[in-house]
Amino acid sequence: MTAIEPGRTLCRQARERMTAHAHVDVHQSYFEDWTHSGPYDCIFSASAFHWTDPTRSYALARNLLKPAGNLAFVTYSELIGDDVWEQRCSDIRALFTRHVPHHKGPRFGTRTADELSSGLHNYRESIGQALEFVEFGKPLEAAQVPVQDMFGPVTVEFDVHRRHYDADGFVAALESYGAFRRMNESARLALKKAVRDYVLAECQDSVDRPFALVGLAATRTP
């Protein structure tokens, strides 16, 4: 098994975790720059392939795979939830606007589970377009690449989950948003406190966040 990670620190951490597994090699590289081995039975990416350049990455994936090899993704999409969750979203966006007036706050989910699942049927011919539909709401760069000529029809696995957070966990999840990290420090600290206080007081230190876990796979064309 070959693992690729472009970040130096994450690559080092992955190597440390895999020291007991002699069959796993971890390399520091961008996927588009990887030319050192293969062919492979499967290329797998978990919520990371959107960082690659579609004009290069799909053709490279096909070239690295054995005949009948598979390209597989696991990704996720936030969902529109019940009335309680949607009120939480509205309240939290209001906190963002109060403390950072130019920021509208996280979008959270913009589709129901049924809308996401049914929409995926429109992209069963292109794993690239299916991935971008899940992650971005519509095909973007992959729509300009003939991915459907490189890989066969897409197999989809779809499962709805609710992720539970306490106040500290919910704030930590918000901090993963790039826009949150780019705020000036005083605004960010004030917003973190406001969100934490809201979850503690209004949500009784308990928030359930709906999302869909989506698996996509397609077989290399001959």
Protein backbone atom coordinates (compact mmCIF):
# COMPACT_ATOMS: atom_id res chain seq x y z
CA MET A 1 0.00 0.00 0.00
CA THR A 2 1.26 3.45 -0.96
CA ALA A 3 0.07 6.56 0.90
CA ILE A 4 0.66 10.09 -0.41
CA GLU A 5 0.50 13.26 1.69
CA PRO A 6 1.89 16.65 0.53
CA GLY A 7 2.22 18.17 4.01
CA ARG A 8 5.50 17.55 5.81
CA THR A 9 4.00 17.34 9.31
CA LEU A 10 1.05 15.14 8.34
CA CYS A 11 3.37 12.92 6.34
CA ARG A 12 5.63 12.46 9.37
CA GLN A 13 2.66 11.70 11.61
CA ALA A 14 1.32 9.15 9.14
CA ARG A 15 4.69 7.41 8.97
CA GLU A 16 4.83 7.21 12.75
CA ARG A 17 1.36 5.67 12.90
CA MET A 18 2.21 3.13 10.22
CA THR A 19 5.53 1.92 11.64
CA ALA A 20 3.99 -1.42 12.64
CA HIS A 21 2.66 -2.01 9.12
CA ALA A 22 5.55 -3.03 6.89
CA HIS A 23 3.35 -3.18 3.78
CA VAL A 24 2.49 0.55 4.01
CA ASP A 25 4.80 3.16 2.48
CA VAL A 26 4.11 6.83 3.17
CA HIS A 27 5.53 9.44 0.78
CA GLN A 28 5.49 13.22 0.82
CA SER A 29 4.13 14.26 -2.56
CA TYR A 30 1.26 15.92 -4.35
CA PHE A 31 -0.88 13.39 -6.18
CA GLU A 32 -0.27 15.05 -9.54
CA ASP A 33 3.49 14.69 -9.02
CA TRP A 34 3.36 10.97 -8.17
CA THR A 35 5.04 8.87 -10.88
CA HIS A 36 7.18 6.42 -8.90
CA SER A 37 5.18 3.21 -8.79
CA GLY A 38 2.11 1.31 -9.88
CA PRO A 39 0.02 -0.05 -11.34
CA TYR A 40 -2.50 -0.23 -8.50
CA ASP A 41 -5.69 -2.17 -7.88
CA CYS A 42 -7.36 0.86 -6.32
CA ILE A 43 -6.80 4.58 -5.77
CA PHE A 44 -8.70 5.88 -2.75
CA SER A 45 -9.20 9.39 -1.40
CA ALA A 46 -11.18 10.51 1.66
CA SER A 47 -12.40 14.11 1.37
CA ALA A 48 -9.15 15.17 -0.30
CA PHE A 49 -9.39 14.74 -4.09
CA HIS A 50 -10.91 18.22 -4.46
CA TRP A 51 -7.43 19.58 -3.68
CA THR A 52 -6.09 18.07 -6.90
CA ASP A 53 -6.19 19.59 -10.38
CA PRO A 54 -8.95 17.73 -12.28
CA THR A 55 -7.32 18.48 -15.62
CA ARG A 56 -4.42 16.26 -14.51
CA SER A 57 -5.55 14.09 -11.62
CA TYR A 58 -8.18 11.91 -13.33
CA ALA A 59 -5.94 11.04 -16.26
CA LEU A 60 -3.11 10.26 -13.84
CA ALA A 61 -5.38 8.08 -11.72
CA ARG A 62 -6.38 6.10 -14.79
CA ASN A 63 -2.76 5.64 -15.85
CA LEU A 64 -1.75 4.45 -12.37
CA LEU A 65 -4.51 1.84 -12.17
CA LYS A 66 -4.43 -1.71 -13.45
CA PRO A 67 -7.00 -2.65 -16.08
CA ALA A 68 -10.32 -2.92 -14.22
CA GLY A 69 -8.79 -1.05 -11.26
CA ASN A 70 -11.05 1.22 -9.22
CA LEU A 71 -11.05 4.89 -8.29
CA ALA A 72 -12.91 5.37 -5.00
CA PHE A 73 -13.85 8.36 -2.87
CA VAL A 74 -15.43 8.82 0.54
CA THR A 75 -16.72 12.31 1.20
CA TYR A 76 -19.54 14.04 3.03
CA SER A 77 -22.13 16.78 2.71
CA GLU A 78 -23.88 18.74 5.41
CA LEU A 79 -27.67 18.51 5.25
CA ILE A 80 -30.76 20.55 5.97
CA GLY A 81 -32.10 19.14 9.21
CA ASP A 82 -35.23 19.40 11.31
CA ASP A 83 -36.71 22.68 12.56
CA VAL A 84 -34.63 22.57 15.75
CA TRP A 85 -31.36 22.25 13.83
CA GLU A 86 -32.30 24.94 11.31
CA GLN A 87 -33.07 27.34 14.16
CA ARG A 88 -29.64 26.58 15.63
CA CYS A 89 -28.07 27.40 12.26
CA SER A 90 -29.94 30.70 12.04
CA ASP A 91 -28.94 31.69 15.58
CA ILE A 92 -25.28 30.85 14.98
CA ARG A 93 -25.18 32.78 11.71
CA ALA A 94 -26.62 35.76 13.62
CA LEU A 95 -23.73 35.48 16.09
CA PHE A 96 -21.27 35.58 13.20
CA THR A 97 -22.95 38.70 11.79
CA ARG A 98 -22.95 40.38 15.20
CA HIS A 99 -19.26 39.83 15.89
CA VAL A 100 -17.93 39.88 12.31
CA PRO A 101 -20.36 42.09 10.36
CA HIS A 102 -18.85 41.30 6.94
CA HIS A 103 -19.23 37.55 7.54
CA LYS A 104 -22.57 35.77 6.95
CA GLY A 105 -21.52 32.68 8.88
CA PRO A 106 -21.34 29.05 7.81
CA ARG A 107 -23.81 27.88 5.19
CA PHE A 108 -24.32 24.56 6.96
CA GLY A 109 -26.59 22.29 4.90
CA THR A 110 -28.30 23.58 1.75
CA ARG A 111 -29.93 20.29 0.64
CA THR A 112 -32.05 17.62 2.22
CA ALA A 113 -30.87 14.02 2.17
CA ASP A 114 -33.45 13.23 -0.54
CA GLU A 115 -32.29 16.15 -2.71
CA LEU A 116 -28.67 15.06 -2.41
CA SER A 117 -29.44 11.41 -3.11
CA SER A 118 -31.72 12.07 -6.08
CA GLY A 119 -29.36 14.69 -7.51
CA LEU A 120 -26.51 12.19 -7.59
CA HIS A 121 -28.44 10.16 -10.17
CA ASN A 122 -27.78 12.95 -12.69
CA TYR A 123 -24.02 12.34 -12.46
CA ARG A 124 -23.74 8.55 -12.56
CA GLU A 125 -21.67 8.73 -15.77
CA SER A 126 -18.83 10.83 -14.32
CA ILE A 127 -17.24 10.20 -10.94
CA GLY A 128 -15.62 13.63 -11.19
CA GLN A 129 -18.93 15.42 -11.60
CA ALA A 130 -20.53 13.27 -8.90
CA LEU A 131 -17.78 14.22 -6.43
CA GLU A 132 -18.10 17.93 -7.16
CA PHE A 133 -21.89 17.75 -6.88
CA VAL A 134 -21.57 16.29 -3.37
CA GLU A 135 -18.87 18.68 -2.18
CA PHE A 136 -19.74 21.92 -4.02
CA GLY A 137 -23.41 21.55 -4.99
CA LYS A 138 -22.71 21.35 -8.73
CA PRO A 139 -20.01 20.15 -11.14
CA LEU A 140 -17.27 22.71 -11.66
CA GLU A 141 -13.86 21.90 -13.17
CA ALA A 142 -14.62 18.20 -13.61
CA ALA A 143 -17.38 19.12 -16.06
CA GLN A 144 -14.64 20.28 -18.45
CA VAL A 145 -12.75 16.96 -18.26
CA PRO A 146 -13.87 13.76 -20.09
CA VAL A 147 -13.83 11.71 -16.89
CA GLN A 148 -16.64 9.52 -18.25
CA ASP A 149 -14.23 8.30 -20.95
CA MET A 150 -11.62 7.31 -18.36
CA PHE A 151 -13.91 5.57 -15.85
CA GLY A 152 -17.16 3.66 -16.07
CA PRO A 153 -20.50 4.34 -14.37
CA VAL A 154 -20.41 5.47 -10.76
CA THR A 155 -21.43 3.23 -7.88
CA VAL A 156 -22.89 5.26 -5.01
CA GLU A 157 -23.19 4.41 -1.31
CA PHE A 158 -25.13 6.90 0.80
CA ASP A 159 -25.73 7.02 4.54
CA VAL A 160 -27.22 9.74 6.75
CA HIS A 161 -25.67 10.44 10.15
CA ARG A 162 -26.10 12.86 13.04
CA ARG A 163 -22.88 13.97 14.68
CA HIS A 164 -23.15 14.93 18.33
CA TYR A 165 -21.20 17.86 19.79
CA ASP A 166 -20.89 19.50 23.15
CA ALA A 167 -20.07 23.23 23.26
CA ASP A 168 -16.29 22.80 23.05
CA GLY A 169 -16.57 20.26 20.25
CA PHE A 170 -18.90 22.46 18.23
CA VAL A 171 -16.57 25.44 18.50
CA ALA A 172 -13.64 23.23 17.47
CA ALA A 173 -15.59 22.12 14.39
CA LEU A 174 -16.29 25.73 13.41
CA GLU A 175 -12.59 26.50 13.74
CA SER A 176 -11.92 24.08 10.88
CA TYR A 177 -13.50 26.57 8.46
CA GLY A 178 -10.84 28.58 6.65
CA ALA A 179 -12.86 31.80 6.95
CA PHE A 180 -12.98 31.35 10.73
CA ARG A 181 -9.20 31.00 10.96
CA ARG A 182 -8.66 34.10 8.80
CA MET A 183 -10.57 36.41 11.15
CA ASN A 184 -8.60 38.83 13.27
CA GLU A 185 -7.82 37.39 16.67
CA SER A 186 -10.07 39.59 18.81
CA ALA A 187 -13.13 38.93 16.64
CA ARG A 188 -12.38 35.22 16.50
CA LEU A 189 -12.03 34.92 20.27
CA ALA A 190 -15.23 36.89 20.89
CA LEU A 191 -17.12 34.76 18.38
CA LYS A 192 -15.81 31.51 19.88
CA LYS A 193 -17.02 32.61 23.31
CA ALA A 194 -20.42 33.66 21.96
CA VAL A 195 -20.96 30.36 20.14
CA ARG A 196 -19.79 28.33 23.12
CA ASP A 197 -22.09 30.26 25.48
CA TYR A 198 -25.00 29.77 23.07
CA VAL A 199 -24.53 26.00 22.88
CA LEU A 200 -24.19 25.78 26.66
CA ALA A 201 -27.21 27.93 27.48
CA GLU A 202 -29.65 27.49 24.60
CA CYS A 203 -28.79 23.94 23.54
CA GLN A 204 -28.06 22.48 26.98
CA ASP A 205 -24.50 21.70 25.84
CA SER A 206 -25.79 19.31 23.18
CA VAL A 207 -25.98 19.76 19.39
CA ASP A 208 -26.72 17.11 16.76
CA ARG A 209 -25.48 18.05 13.29
CA PRO A 210 -26.91 16.17 10.26
CA PHE A 211 -24.70 15.11 7.38
CA ALA A 212 -24.51 12.48 4.65
CA LEU A 213 -21.54 10.17 4.25
CA VAL A 214 -21.13 9.37 0.55
CA GLY A 215 -19.03 6.70 -1.13
CA LEU A 216 -18.29 6.89 -4.87
CA ALA A 217 -16.47 4.32 -6.99
CA ALA A 218 -15.84 3.79 -10.70
CA THR A 219 -13.83 1.24 -12.67
CA ARG A 220 -11.07 2.20 -15.08
CA THR A 221 -12.11 1.89 -18.71
CA PRO A 222 -10.11 -0.49 -20.94
